[in-house]
C-alpha atoms as a PDB file:
ATOM      1  CA  UNK A   1      62.391  -6.319 -33.180  1.00  0.00           C
ATOM      2  CA  UNK A   2      61.998  -9.932 -35.075  1.00  0.00           C
ATOM      3  CA  UNK A   3      59.019  -9.771 -37.500  1.00  0.00           C
ATOM      4  CA  UNK A   4      58.537 -13.294 -37.585  1.00  0.00           C
ATOM      5  CA  UNK A   5      57.500 -13.073 -33.570  1.00  0.00           C
ATOM      6  CA  UNK A   6      54.047 -11.370 -32.240  1.00  0.00           C
ATOM      7  CA  UNK A   7      54.302  -9.570 -29.085  1.00  0.00           C
ATOM      8  CA  UNK A   8      51.551  -8.847 -26.695  1.00  0.00           C
ATOM      9  CA  UNK A   9      50.954  -5.691 -25.078  1.00  0.00           C
ATOM     10  CA  UNK A  10      50.839  -5.997 -21.229  1.00  0.00           C
ATOM     11  CA  UNK A  11      46.947  -5.606 -21.171  1.00  0.00           C
ATOM     12  CA  UNK A  12      46.656  -8.426 -24.082  1.00  0.00           C
ATOM     13  CA  UNK A  13      48.965 -10.760 -21.884  1.00  0.00           C
ATOM     14  CA  UNK A  14      46.779 -10.312 -18.442  1.00  0.00           C
ATOM     15  CA  UNK A  15      45.754 -13.912 -17.781  1.00  0.00           C
ATOM     16  CA  UNK A  16      43.199 -14.511 -14.958  1.00  0.00           C
ATOM     17  CA  UNK A  17      44.808 -16.437 -12.541  1.00  0.00           C
ATOM     18  CA  UNK A  18      41.627 -17.867 -11.199  1.00  0.00           C
ATOM     19  CA  UNK A  19      40.525 -19.177 -14.797  1.00  0.00           C
ATOM     20  CA  UNK A  20      43.964 -21.717 -14.678  1.00  0.00           C
ATOM     21  CA  UNK A  21      41.642 -24.283 -12.204  1.00  0.00           C
ATOM     22  CA  UNK A  22      38.434 -25.506 -12.088  1.00  0.00           C
ATOM     23  CA  UNK A  23      37.244 -25.196  -8.685  1.00  0.00           C
ATOM     24  CA  UNK A  24      36.756 -28.581  -6.616  1.00  0.00           C
ATOM     25  CA  UNK A  25      35.909 -29.689  -2.890  1.00  0.00           C
ATOM     26  CA  UNK A  26      39.146 -29.800  -0.873  1.00  0.00           C
ATOM     27  CA  UNK A  27      38.909 -32.948   1.192  1.00  0.00           C
ATOM     28  CA  UNK A  28      41.020 -32.283   4.055  1.00  0.00           C
ATOM     29  CA  UNK A  29      38.182 -29.748   5.847  1.00  0.00           C
ATOM     30  CA  UNK A  30      34.600 -28.707   5.791  1.00  0.00           C
ATOM     31  CA  UNK A  31      32.671 -27.045   7.846  1.00  0.00           C
ATOM     32  CA  UNK A  32      30.251 -28.710  10.423  1.00  0.00           C
ATOM     33  CA  UNK A  33      27.886 -28.225  13.805  1.00  0.00           C
ATOM     34  CA  UNK A  34      27.651 -30.539  16.657  1.00  0.00           C
ATOM     35  CA  UNK A  35      25.883 -30.027  20.056  1.00  0.00           C
ATOM     36  CA  UNK A  36      27.991 -30.166  23.156  1.00  0.00           C
ATOM     37  CA  UNK A  37      27.737 -32.638  25.487  1.00  0.00           C
ATOM     38  CA  UNK A  38      24.428 -33.873  26.895  1.00  0.00           C
ATOM     39  CA  UNK A  39      23.778 -34.398  30.466  1.00  0.00           C
ATOM     40  CA  UNK A  40      19.988 -36.249  30.273  1.00  0.00           C
ATOM     41  CA  UNK A  41      21.495 -39.406  31.222  1.00  0.00           C
ATOM     42  CA  UNK A  42      23.839 -38.414  33.905  1.00  0.00           C
ATOM     43  CA  UNK A  43      20.886 -36.598  35.588  1.00  0.00           C
ATOM     44  CA  UNK A  44      18.629 -39.554  35.091  1.00  0.00           C
ATOM     45  CA  UNK A  45      20.649 -42.768  34.464  1.00  0.00           C
ATOM     46  CA  UNK A  46      19.727 -45.629  32.464  1.00  0.00           C
ATOM     47  CA  UNK A  47      17.796 -48.408  33.951  1.00  0.00           C
ATOM     48  CA  UNK A  48      17.542 -51.331  31.478  1.00  0.00           C
ATOM     49  CA  UNK A  49      14.213 -52.119  30.976  1.00  0.00           C
ATOM     50  CA  UNK A  50      13.256 -55.446  29.302  1.00  0.00           C
ATOM     51  CA  UNK A  51       9.855 -54.695  28.892  1.00  0.00           C
ATOM     52  CA  UNK A  52       8.270 -51.581  27.101  1.00  0.00           C
ATOM     53  CA  UNK A  53       5.978 -51.111  30.676  1.00  0.00           C
ATOM     54  CA  UNK A  54       6.380 -52.659  33.783  1.00  0.00           C
ATOM     55  CA  UNK A  55       6.302 -51.325  37.684  1.00  0.00           C
ATOM     56  CA  UNK A  56       9.031 -50.960  40.286  1.00  0.00           C
ATOM     57  CA  UNK A  57       8.718 -51.519  43.894  1.00  0.00           C
ATOM     58  CA  UNK A  58       8.481 -48.252  46.384  1.00  0.00           C
ATOM     59  CA  UNK A  59       9.550 -49.217  49.834  1.00  0.00           C
ATOM     60  CA  UNK A  60       7.738 -46.369  52.438  1.00  0.00           C
ATOM     61  CA  UNK A  61       9.797 -44.293  55.046  1.00  0.00           C
ATOM     62  CA  UNK A  62       9.020 -46.321  58.043  1.00  0.00           C
ATOM     63  CA  UNK A  63      12.708 -46.252  58.969  1.00  0.00           C
ATOM     64  CA  UNK A  64      12.540 -42.874  59.886  1.00  0.00           C
ATOM     65  CA  UNK A  65       9.922 -43.236  62.769  1.00  0.00           C
ATOM     66  CA  UNK A  66      11.005 -43.809  66.014  1.00  0.00           C
ATOM     67  CA  UNK A  67       9.323 -46.831  67.876  1.00  0.00           C
ATOM     68  CA  UNK A  68       8.996 -47.441  71.326  1.00  0.00           C
ATOM     69  CA  UNK A  69      11.361 -50.233  71.978  1.00  0.00           C
ATOM     70  CA  UNK A  70      11.347 -50.584  75.941  1.00  0.00           C
ATOM     71  CA  UNK A  71      11.314 -54.307  76.709  1.00  0.00           C
ATOM     72  CA  UNK A  72       9.885 -55.573  80.031  1.00  0.00           C
ATOM     73  CA  UNK A  73      11.096 -59.277  80.263  1.00  0.00           C
ATOM     74  CA  UNK A  74       8.137 -61.573  79.840  1.00  0.00           C
ATOM     75  CA  UNK A  75       6.274 -58.916  77.623  1.00  0.00           C
ATOM     76  CA  UNK A  76       5.772 -59.507  74.166  1.00  0.00           C
ATOM     77  CA  UNK A  77       7.784 -56.403  72.145  1.00  0.00           C
ATOM     78  CA  UNK A  78       6.036 -53.793  70.098  1.00  0.00           C
ATOM     79  CA  UNK A  79       5.531 -54.865  66.464  1.00  0.00           C
ATOM     80  CA  UNK A  80       6.691 -52.438  63.834  1.00  0.00           C
ATOM     81  CA  UNK A  81       5.663 -52.971  60.139  1.00  0.00           C
ATOM     82  CA  UNK A  82       6.569 -51.322  56.920  1.00  0.00           C
ATOM     83  CA  UNK A  83       5.025 -50.361  53.846  1.00  0.00           C
ATOM     84  CA  UNK A  84       5.380 -51.786  49.867  1.00  0.00           C
ATOM     85  CA  UNK A  85       3.919 -50.432  46.666  1.00  0.00           C
ATOM     86  CA  UNK A  86       4.408 -50.065  43.058  1.00  0.00           C
ATOM     87  CA  UNK A  87       4.606 -47.617  40.474  1.00  0.00           C
ATOM     88  CA  UNK A  88       4.547 -47.721  36.835  1.00  0.00           C
ATOM     89  CA  UNK A  89       7.090 -46.951  33.780  1.00  0.00           C
ATOM     90  CA  UNK A  90       5.868 -46.918  30.135  1.00  0.00           C
ATOM     91  CA  UNK A  91       8.510 -46.434  27.573  1.00  0.00           C
ATOM     92  CA  UNK A  92       7.400 -44.830  24.826  1.00  0.00           C
ATOM     93  CA  UNK A  93       9.000 -44.441  21.130  1.00  0.00           C
ATOM     94  CA  UNK A  94      11.121 -41.721  19.636  1.00  0.00           C
ATOM     95  CA  UNK A  95      12.005 -41.960  15.958  1.00  0.00           C
ATOM     96  CA  UNK A  96      13.048 -39.750  13.437  1.00  0.00           C
ATOM     97  CA  UNK A  97      14.167 -40.757   9.193  1.00  0.00           C
ATOM     98  CA  UNK A  98      16.948 -39.735   7.687  1.00  0.00           C
ATOM     99  CA  UNK A  99      17.843 -40.602   3.709  1.00  0.00           C
ATOM    100  CA  UNK A 100      19.389 -39.464   0.699  1.00  0.00           C
ATOM    101  CA  UNK A 101      19.228 -40.174  -3.522  1.00  0.00           C
ATOM    102  CA  UNK A 102      20.791 -43.799  -4.419  1.00  0.00           C
ATOM    103  CA  UNK A 103      22.615 -42.098  -6.637  1.00  0.00           C
ATOM    104  CA  UNK A 104      23.996 -39.705  -4.433  1.00  0.00           C
ATOM    105  CA  UNK A 105      26.993 -41.358  -3.204  1.00  0.00           C
ATOM    106  CA  UNK A 106      28.565 -42.051  -6.769  1.00  0.00           C
ATOM    107  CA  UNK A 107      28.018 -37.948  -7.877  1.00  0.00           C
ATOM    108  CA  UNK A 108      29.121 -36.806  -4.102  1.00  0.00           C
ATOM    109  CA  UNK A 109      32.650 -35.483  -3.503  1.00  0.00           C
ATOM    110  CA  UNK A 110      34.557 -37.423  -0.994  1.00  0.00           C
ATOM    111  CA  UNK A 111      34.228 -35.352   1.361  1.00  0.00           C
ATOM    112  CA  UNK A 112      30.580 -35.916   1.394  1.00  0.00           C
ATOM    113  CA  UNK A 113      29.915 -38.589   3.707  1.00  0.00           C
ATOM    114  CA  UNK A 114      26.567 -39.236   3.153  1.00  0.00           C
ATOM    115  CA  UNK A 115      25.965 -42.553   4.893  1.00  0.00           C
ATOM    116  CA  UNK A 116      27.715 -41.884   8.574  1.00  0.00           C
ATOM    117  CA  UNK A 117      26.741 -38.119   8.096  1.00  0.00           C
ATOM    118  CA  UNK A 118      22.926 -39.359   7.865  1.00  0.00           C
ATOM    119  CA  UNK A 119      23.575 -41.658  10.505  1.00  0.00           C
ATOM    120  CA  UNK A 120      24.996 -39.028  12.603  1.00  0.00           C
ATOM    121  CA  UNK A 121      22.032 -36.330  11.975  1.00  0.00           C
ATOM    122  CA  UNK A 122      19.341 -39.139  12.836  1.00  0.00           C
ATOM    123  CA  UNK A 123      21.242 -39.943  16.081  1.00  0.00           C
ATOM    124  CA  UNK A 124      21.427 -36.399  17.273  1.00  0.00           C
ATOM    125  CA  UNK A 125      17.845 -35.591  16.625  1.00  0.00           C
ATOM    126  CA  UNK A 126      17.031 -38.160  19.253  1.00  0.00           C
ATOM    127  CA  UNK A 127      19.285 -37.057  21.624  1.00  0.00           C
ATOM    128  CA  UNK A 128      18.607 -33.255  21.497  1.00  0.00           C
ATOM    129  CA  UNK A 129      14.892 -34.339  22.241  1.00  0.00           C
ATOM    130  CA  UNK A 130      16.016 -36.576  24.783  1.00  0.00           C
ATOM    131  CA  UNK A 131      17.154 -33.519  26.476  1.00  0.00           C
ATOM    132  CA  UNK A 132      14.218 -31.335  26.016  1.00  0.00           C
ATOM    133  CA  UNK A 133      12.214 -34.307  27.341  1.00  0.00           C
ATOM    134  CA  UNK A 134      14.236 -34.346  30.470  1.00  0.00           C
ATOM    135  CA  UNK A 135      13.717 -30.648  30.910  1.00  0.00           C
ATOM    136  CA  UNK A 136       9.946 -30.501  30.672  1.00  0.00           C
ATOM    137  CA  UNK A 137       9.577 -33.546  32.795  1.00  0.00           C
ATOM    138  CA  UNK A 138      11.551 -32.097  35.635  1.00  0.00           C
ATOM    139  CA  UNK A 139       9.568 -28.700  35.245  1.00  0.00           C
ATOM    140  CA  UNK A 140       6.707 -30.815  35.239  1.00  0.00           C
ATOM    141  CA  UNK A 141       7.462 -32.876  38.441  1.00  0.00           C
ATOM    142  CA  UNK A 142       9.699 -30.169  40.468  1.00  0.00           C
ATOM    143  CA  UNK A 143       7.670 -26.906  39.526  1.00  0.00           C
ATOM    144  CA  UNK A 144      10.695 -24.525  39.622  1.00  0.00           C
ATOM    145  CA  UNK A 145      11.181 -21.434  42.098  1.00  0.00           C
ATOM    146  CA  UNK A 146      12.413 -18.222  40.858  1.00  0.00           C
ATOM    147  CA  UNK A 147      15.336 -17.073  41.930  1.00  0.00           C
ATOM    148  CA  UNK A 148      15.035 -13.676  40.648  1.00  0.00           C
ATOM    149  CA  UNK A 149      11.682 -13.176  42.317  1.00  0.00           C
ATOM    150  CA  UNK A 150      13.205 -14.170  45.510  1.00  0.00           C
ATOM    151  CA  UNK A 151      16.082 -12.155  45.207  1.00  0.00           C
ATOM    152  CA  UNK A 152      18.980 -14.940  45.058  1.00  0.00           C
ATOM    153  CA  UNK A 153      19.809 -14.510  41.618  1.00  0.00           C
ATOM    154  CA  UNK A 154      23.339 -15.671  41.342  1.00  0.00           C
ATOM    155  CA  UNK A 155      24.335 -12.244  39.315  1.00  0.00           C
ATOM    156  CA  UNK A 156      23.184 -10.383  42.227  1.00  0.00           C
ATOM    157  CA  UNK A 157      26.609  -8.510  44.014  1.00  0.00           C
ATOM    158  CA  UNK A 158      25.105  -8.442  47.195  1.00  0.00           C
ATOM    159  CA  UNK A 159      23.601 -12.298  47.020  1.00  0.00           C
ATOM    160  CA  UNK A 160      26.068 -14.765  48.385  1.00  0.00           C
ATOM    161  CA  UNK A 161      25.251 -18.291  46.951  1.00  0.00           C
ATOM    162  CA  UNK A 162      27.565 -20.675  49.176  1.00  0.00           C
ATOM    163  CA  UNK A 163      25.189 -20.307  52.488  1.00  0.00           C
ATOM    164  CA  UNK A 164      22.335 -20.270  50.478  1.00  0.00           C
ATOM    165  CA  UNK A 165      22.777 -22.983  48.636  1.00  0.00           C
ATOM    166  CA  UNK A 166      23.585 -25.085  52.111  1.00  0.00           C
ATOM    167  CA  UNK A 167      20.089 -24.293  53.056  1.00  0.00           C
ATOM    168  CA  UNK A 168      18.275 -25.872  49.901  1.00  0.00           C
ATOM    169  CA  UNK A 169      19.853 -29.065  50.894  1.00  0.00           C
ATOM    170  CA  UNK A 170      18.371 -29.381  53.850  1.00  0.00           C
ATOM    171  CA  UNK A 171      15.033 -29.086  52.207  1.00  0.00           C
ATOM    172  CA  UNK A 172      16.049 -32.388  50.555  1.00  0.00           C
ATOM    173  CA  UNK A 173      17.319 -33.555  53.391  1.00  0.00           C
ATOM    174  CA  UNK A 174      14.024 -33.298  55.011  1.00  0.00           C
ATOM    175  CA  UNK A 175      12.207 -35.214  52.269  1.00  0.00           C
ATOM    176  CA  UNK A 176      14.722 -38.252  51.653  1.00  0.00           C
ATOM    177  CA  UNK A 177      17.174 -38.593  54.486  1.00  0.00           C
ATOM    178  CA  UNK A 178      19.890 -37.765  52.104  1.00  0.00           C
ATOM    179  CA  UNK A 179      21.693 -34.537  51.240  1.00  0.00           C
ATOM    180  CA  UNK A 180      21.861 -33.773  47.546  1.00  0.00           C
ATOM    181  CA  UNK A 181      25.413 -34.593  46.019  1.00  0.00           C
ATOM    182  CA  UNK A 182      24.582 -33.186  42.592  1.00  0.00           C
ATOM    183  CA  UNK A 183      23.995 -29.653  40.729  1.00  0.00           C
ATOM    184  CA  UNK A 184      23.302 -29.261  37.334  1.00  0.00           C
ATOM    185  CA  UNK A 185      23.045 -25.770  36.129  1.00  0.00           C
ATOM    186  CA  UNK A 186      22.670 -24.087  32.427  1.00  0.00           C
ATOM    187  CA  UNK A 187      25.617 -22.625  31.045  1.00  0.00           C
ATOM    188  CA  UNK A 188      24.081 -19.190  31.593  1.00  0.00           C
ATOM    189  CA  UNK A 189      23.828 -19.673  35.239  1.00  0.00           C
ATOM    190  CA  UNK A 190      26.982 -21.581  35.748  1.00  0.00           C
ATOM    191  CA  UNK A 191      28.580 -18.522  34.579  1.00  0.00           C
ATOM    192  CA  UNK A 192      26.919 -16.223  36.836  1.00  0.00           C
ATOM    193  CA  UNK A 193      27.595 -18.473  39.661  1.00  0.00           C
ATOM    194  CA  UNK A 194      31.319 -18.594  38.871  1.00  0.00           C
ATOM    195  CA  UNK A 195      31.837 -14.704  38.686  1.00  0.00           C
ATOM    196  CA  UNK A 196      29.739 -14.270  41.530  1.00  0.00           C
ATOM    197  CA  UNK A 197      32.745 -12.146  43.661  1.00  0.00           C
ATOM    198  CA  UNK A 198      31.060 -13.905  46.842  1.00  0.00           C
ATOM    199  CA  UNK A 199      31.173 -17.205  45.972  1.00  0.00           C
ATOM    200  CA  UNK A 200      34.856 -16.562  44.302  1.00  0.00           C
ATOM    201  CA  UNK A 201      35.810 -15.463  48.020  1.00  0.00           C
ATOM    202  CA  UNK A 202      34.919 -18.731  49.359  1.00  0.00           C
ATOM    203  CA  UNK A 203      36.894 -20.359  46.585  1.00  0.00           C
ATOM    204  CA  UNK A 204      40.072 -18.132  47.317  1.00  0.00           C
ATOM    205  CA  UNK A 205      39.781 -19.731  51.274  1.00  0.00           C
ATOM    206  CA  UNK A 206      39.606 -16.879  53.258  1.00  0.00           C
ATOM    207  CA  UNK A 207      41.315 -14.164  50.999  1.00  0.00           C
ATOM    208  CA  UNK A 208      38.509 -11.449  51.652  1.00  0.00           C
ATOM    209  CA  UNK A 209      40.632  -8.297  50.717  1.00  0.00           C
ATOM    210  CA  UNK A 210      41.214  -8.225  46.989  1.00  0.00           C
ATOM    211  CA  UNK A 211      39.622  -8.881  43.665  1.00  0.00           C
ATOM    212  CA  UNK A 212      39.752 -12.577  43.092  1.00  0.00           C
ATOM    213  CA  UNK A 213      41.156 -13.946  40.044  1.00  0.00           C
ATOM    214  CA  UNK A 214      38.619 -14.460  36.946  1.00  0.00           C
ATOM    215  CA  UNK A 215      35.887 -16.620  37.069  1.00  0.00           C
ATOM    216  CA  UNK A 216      36.663 -18.230  34.124  1.00  0.00           C
ATOM    217  CA  UNK A 217      39.278 -19.753  35.834  1.00  0.00           C
ATOM    218  CA  UNK A 218      37.092 -21.658  38.446  1.00  0.00           C
ATOM    219  CA  UNK A 219      36.471 -25.342  37.450  1.00  0.00           C
ATOM    220  CA  UNK A 220      33.285 -27.595  38.024  1.00  0.00           C
ATOM    221  CA  UNK A 221      35.710 -29.960  40.477  1.00  0.00           C
ATOM    222  CA  UNK A 222      36.076 -26.613  42.402  1.00  0.00           C
ATOM    223  CA  UNK A 223      32.650 -25.317  42.811  1.00  0.00           C
ATOM    224  CA  UNK A 224      31.724 -28.868  43.799  1.00  0.00           C
ATOM    225  CA  UNK A 225      34.388 -29.323  46.250  1.00  0.00           C
ATOM    226  CA  UNK A 226      33.129 -25.786  47.948  1.00  0.00           C
ATOM    227  CA  UNK A 227      29.704 -26.837  47.577  1.00  0.00           C
ATOM    228  CA  UNK A 228      30.188 -30.449  49.457  1.00  0.00           C
ATOM    229  CA  UNK A 229      28.661 -31.872  46.318  1.00  0.00           C
ATOM    230  CA  UNK A 230      29.955 -34.851  44.297  1.00  0.00           C
ATOM    231  CA  UNK A 231      29.302 -33.342  40.799  1.00  0.00           C
ATOM    232  CA  UNK A 232      28.460 -30.016  39.288  1.00  0.00           C
ATOM    233  CA  UNK A 233      27.160 -30.664  35.705  1.00  0.00           C
ATOM    234  CA  UNK A 234      26.985 -27.700  33.543  1.00  0.00           C
ATOM    235  CA  UNK A 235      24.241 -27.930  30.418  1.00  0.00           C
ATOM    236  CA  UNK A 236      26.103 -26.434  27.356  1.00  0.00           C
ATOM    237  CA  UNK A 237      23.726 -28.221  24.782  1.00  0.00           C
ATOM    238  CA  UNK A 238      21.719 -25.955  22.712  1.00  0.00           C
ATOM    239  CA  UNK A 239      18.484 -25.899  20.293  1.00  0.00           C
ATOM    240  CA  UNK A 240      17.030 -23.944  17.848  1.00  0.00           C
ATOM    241  CA  UNK A 241      14.054 -21.874  18.816  1.00  0.00           C
ATOM    242  CA  UNK A 242      13.543 -20.349  15.156  1.00  0.00           C
ATOM    243  CA  UNK A 243      10.608 -21.281  12.723  1.00  0.00           C
ATOM    244  CA  UNK A 244      11.677 -24.240  10.409  1.00  0.00           C
ATOM    245  CA  UNK A 245      13.334 -22.407   7.401  1.00  0.00           C
ATOM    246  CA  UNK A 246      13.971 -19.020   9.201  1.00  0.00           C
ATOM    247  CA  UNK A 247      17.480 -17.904  10.630  1.00  0.00           C
ATOM    248  CA  UNK A 248      18.473 -20.438  13.551  1.00  0.00           C
ATOM    249  CA  UNK A 249      18.472 -19.004  16.919  1.00  0.00           C
ATOM    250  CA  UNK A 250      20.276 -20.958  19.224  1.00  0.00           C
ATOM    251  CA  UNK A 251      19.376 -21.094  22.788  1.00  0.00           C
ATOM    252  CA  UNK A 252      20.997 -23.135  25.688  1.00  0.00           C
ATOM    253  CA  UNK A 253      18.675 -26.204  26.788  1.00  0.00           C
ATOM    254  CA  UNK A 254      19.142 -25.869  30.633  1.00  0.00           C
ATOM    255  CA  UNK A 255      19.669 -21.752  30.001  1.00  0.00           C
ATOM    256  CA  UNK A 256      19.180 -20.034  33.916  1.00  0.00           C
ATOM    257  CA  UNK A 257      17.510 -23.400  35.358  1.00  0.00           C
ATOM    258  CA  UNK A 258      19.618 -24.674  38.865  1.00  0.00           C
ATOM    259  CA  UNK A 259      18.755 -28.228  39.767  1.00  0.00           C
ATOM    260  CA  UNK A 260      19.729 -29.410  43.011  1.00  0.00           C
ATOM    261  CA  UNK A 261      19.948 -33.432  43.790  1.00  0.00           C
ATOM    262  CA  UNK A 262      20.440 -36.319  45.021  1.00  0.00           C
ATOM    263  CA  UNK A 263      21.771 -39.115  42.643  1.00  0.00           C
ATOM    264  CA  UNK A 264      22.347 -42.620  44.120  1.00  0.00           C
ATOM    265  CA  UNK A 265      26.094 -43.863  43.240  1.00  0.00           C
ATOM    266  CA  UNK A 266      24.867 -46.695  41.195  1.00  0.00           C
ATOM    267  CA  UNK A 267      21.123 -47.925  40.532  1.00  0.00           C
ATOM    268  CA  UNK A 268      19.984 -50.624  43.069  1.00  0.00           C
ATOM    269  CA  UNK A 269      17.624 -52.102  45.565  1.00  0.00           C
ATOM    270  CA  UNK A 270      16.380 -49.980  48.052  1.00  0.00           C
ATOM    271  CA  UNK A 271      17.960 -46.983  46.793  1.00  0.00           C
ATOM    272  CA  UNK A 272      16.517 -43.038  46.262  1.00  0.00           C
ATOM    273  CA  UNK A 273      17.299 -40.930  43.505  1.00  0.00           C
ATOM    274  CA  UNK A 274      15.749 -38.144  41.621  1.00  0.00           C
ATOM    275  CA  UNK A 275      15.142 -39.604  38.340  1.00  0.00           C
ATOM    276  CA  UNK A 276      15.859 -42.640  36.139  1.00  0.00           C
ATOM    277  CA  UNK A 277      15.817 -43.313  32.327  1.00  0.00           C
ATOM    278  CA  UNK A 278      13.935 -46.762  31.962  1.00  0.00           C
ATOM    279  CA  UNK A 279      15.463 -47.779  28.368  1.00  0.00           C
ATOM    280  CA  UNK A 280      13.975 -50.704  26.462  1.00  0.00           C
ATOM    281  CA  UNK A 281      16.726 -52.857  25.682  1.00  0.00           C
ATOM    282  CA  UNK A 282      15.381 -54.390  22.625  1.00  0.00           C
ATOM    283  CA  UNK A 283      17.907 -52.881  20.611  1.00  0.00           C
ATOM    284  CA  UNK A 284      21.455 -52.181  20.669  1.00  0.00           C
ATOM    285  CA  UNK A 285      21.835 -50.037  23.893  1.00  0.00           C
ATOM    286  CA  UNK A 286      17.982 -49.702  23.287  1.00  0.00           C
ATOM    287  CA  UNK A 287      18.277 -47.458  19.946  1.00  0.00           C
ATOM    288  CA  UNK A 288      17.418 -48.928  16.968  1.00  0.00           C
ATOM    289  CA  UNK A 289      19.651 -47.950  13.440  1.00  0.00           C
ATOM    290  CA  UNK A 290      18.023 -49.221  10.405  1.00  0.00           C
ATOM    291  CA  UNK A 291      19.286 -48.704   6.868  1.00  0.00           C
ATOM    292  CA  UNK A 292      17.075 -49.976   3.825  1.00  0.00           C
ATOM    293  CA  UNK A 293      16.419 -49.313   0.256  1.00  0.00           C
ATOM    294  CA  UNK A 294      13.379 -47.106  -0.603  1.00  0.00           C
ATOM    295  CA  UNK A 295      12.397 -48.971  -4.083  1.00  0.00           C
ATOM    296  CA  UNK A 296       9.947 -46.549  -4.704  1.00  0.00           C
ATOM    297  CA  UNK A 297      11.383 -43.208  -4.160  1.00  0.00           C
ATOM    298  CA  UNK A 298      15.158 -44.662  -5.344  1.00  0.00           C
ATOM    299  CA  UNK A 299      16.710 -43.399  -1.698  1.00  0.00           C
ATOM    300  CA  UNK A 300      18.436 -44.817   0.912  1.00  0.00           C
ATOM    301  CA  UNK A 301      16.934 -44.540   4.327  1.00  0.00           C
ATOM    302  CA  UNK A 302      18.324 -44.641   7.758  1.00  0.00           C
ATOM    303  CA  UNK A 303      15.452 -45.080  10.517  1.00  0.00           C
ATOM    304  CA  UNK A 304      16.680 -43.961  14.693  1.00  0.00           C
ATOM    305  CA  UNK A 305      14.751 -45.165  17.013  1.00  0.00           C
ATOM    306  CA  UNK A 306      14.715 -45.340  20.990  1.00  0.00           C
ATOM    307  CA  UNK A 307      12.072 -46.671  23.286  1.00  0.00           C
ATOM    308  CA  UNK A 308      12.942 -44.779  26.964  1.00  0.00           C
ATOM    309  CA  UNK A 309      10.838 -43.412  29.763  1.00  0.00           C
ATOM    310  CA  UNK A 310      12.290 -40.427  31.787  1.00  0.00           C
ATOM    311  CA  UNK A 311      10.910 -40.380  35.249  1.00  0.00           C
ATOM    312  CA  UNK A 312      10.949 -38.485  38.263  1.00  0.00           C
ATOM    313  CA  UNK A 313      11.279 -41.488  41.104  1.00  0.00           C
ATOM    314  CA  UNK A 314      11.453 -39.260  44.115  1.00  0.00           C
ATOM    315  CA  UNK A 315      10.455 -35.668  43.633  1.00  0.00           C
ATOM    316  CA  UNK A 316      11.510 -34.671  46.969  1.00  0.00           C
ATOM    317  CA  UNK A 317      15.247 -35.860  46.066  1.00  0.00           C
ATOM    318  CA  UNK A 318      15.533 -32.400  44.053  1.00  0.00           C
ATOM    319  CA  UNK A 319      14.682 -28.911  44.168  1.00  0.00           C
ATOM    320  CA  UNK A 320      14.482 -26.863  40.778  1.00  0.00           C
ATOM    321  CA  UNK A 321      15.054 -23.037  40.224  1.00  0.00           C
ATOM    322  CA  UNK A 322      14.493 -21.004  37.497  1.00  0.00           C
ATOM    323  CA  UNK A 323      15.699 -17.372  36.411  1.00  0.00           C
ATOM    324  CA  UNK A 324      19.021 -17.680  38.098  1.00  0.00           C
ATOM    325  CA  UNK A 325      19.610 -14.259  36.321  1.00  0.00           C
ATOM    326  CA  UNK A 326      18.592 -10.847  36.365  1.00  0.00           C
ATOM    327  CA  UNK A 327      19.791 -10.613  32.549  1.00  0.00           C
ATOM    328  CA  UNK A 328      21.187 -12.561  29.729  1.00  0.00           C
ATOM    329  CA  UNK A 329      24.039  -9.857  29.458  1.00  0.00           C
ATOM    330  CA  UNK A 330      27.396 -11.677  29.575  1.00  0.00           C
ATOM    331  CA  UNK A 331      28.628 -10.287  32.818  1.00  0.00           C
ATOM    332  CA  UNK A 332      31.962  -8.112  32.891  1.00  0.00           C
ATOM    333  CA  UNK A 333      35.497 -10.060  31.781  1.00  0.00           C
ATOM    334  CA  UNK A 334      33.293 -12.984  30.537  1.00  0.00           C
ATOM    335  CA  UNK A 335      34.117 -14.001  27.215  1.00  0.00           C
END
């Protein structure tokens, strides 16, 4: 062994690999959360409103009244009339503010996009509250009926939802002269419906003697076709019900609600629809986004503001139900 070389023992030569690199944030991924698609503007389509408050015309139901039209030559025909009234709307402001310190961009890692992230959070906050506000407006305007109390909850194995839904359509038809063409279900309600064996038998078109494929393979379009609807919407969006600062507790906004309603193919004159969203068009798409520098607090500020009115236009154009399940447990076979 050479005497001019110092040999280290195995313990002395042990090198901590982790100490060879100073930790840095990777730039090709990060963790973030975002809500599922909102449905508020699909249930209550947008009506551009140039003024914050105004009125719209409401025609009467005289077209459904049978008049005596027997005519005798030389006698004046019987006269008919029609009624006209107005209803108001009032767009109210909804605004939140996001911000970050002015020196933060130069100090932040590349993956932390302060400006777009703050803008996205502001926009999402307004959209989330818009979804919650529509739910509140529909509950107030339609007074939901409990399906569980009536024994027609979707997870009841003895319950066949198809003829029941068909019966509910007649309630709307007798109010507005149109059968409902849309249905909205919260994710838990949709999960229970598409796993209802009686419903699956209808989807299977006559194959009544064996277990049908799992409900996971039933699409919205298949359900809409079987129920003779134009569209079946599923409310997937969630909101945090925990107090600020506590562990988040996410719940579905539309939860166990079911809404069966008529939506006009397109807003227009002399048409009826359950609800509309009057959107003040004072900004881009009715939503104002403003970025400015707060000199007193040395911070970059992003304000989001939206003026709208979610209004039940014709309460008779929809029926709403709650408690579509007997429990919130995940049905067997569902993931």
